[in-house]
Amino acid sequence: QVQLVESGGGLVQPGGSLRLSCAASGFTWDYYTIGWFRQAPGKEREGVSCIGSYDGDTYLSDSMKGRFTISRDNAKNTVSLQMNSLKPEDTGVYYCAADRAITTAHAMCIMNKILKYDYWGQGTQVTVSS
């Protein structure tokens, strides 16, 4: 059974940190490009950060640069998103997705509204509030 399971969300004060994890099972993880997306209330889903299957190819949305870091551990079938200096506008449901056909992190992050990705997780809520 194919599964993507996100964890690590929660309530944090502005300026705080969270580390999200996406754990995969049921498919050959190594060949997939992985992305983190978020959807804030009343807004469209947007690409946050994505990572290719090999060679450290990563993409980070401009508004997250300097604050978020994505990494993957193929031995553990996980992708993590370290989020620092969180702002109220980072609030939303964070999803991870996996796709084998997309081969670059940049494309993965920007094409999510156009293409149907292979697998999606159920999401984890992140709330940044004082």
Foldseek 3Di string as FASTA:
>chain_A
DWAWAKDWADEAAQQAKIKMKIAIDDDQLLQKKKFKWWDDVPGDIFTAKIAFSDDTFIDGDPVQPPFWDWDDDSVRRMIMIIGGRDDQVVWGWMKMFIANVDGHGVCVGHCPVPDDGDDMHPTDTHGHHD
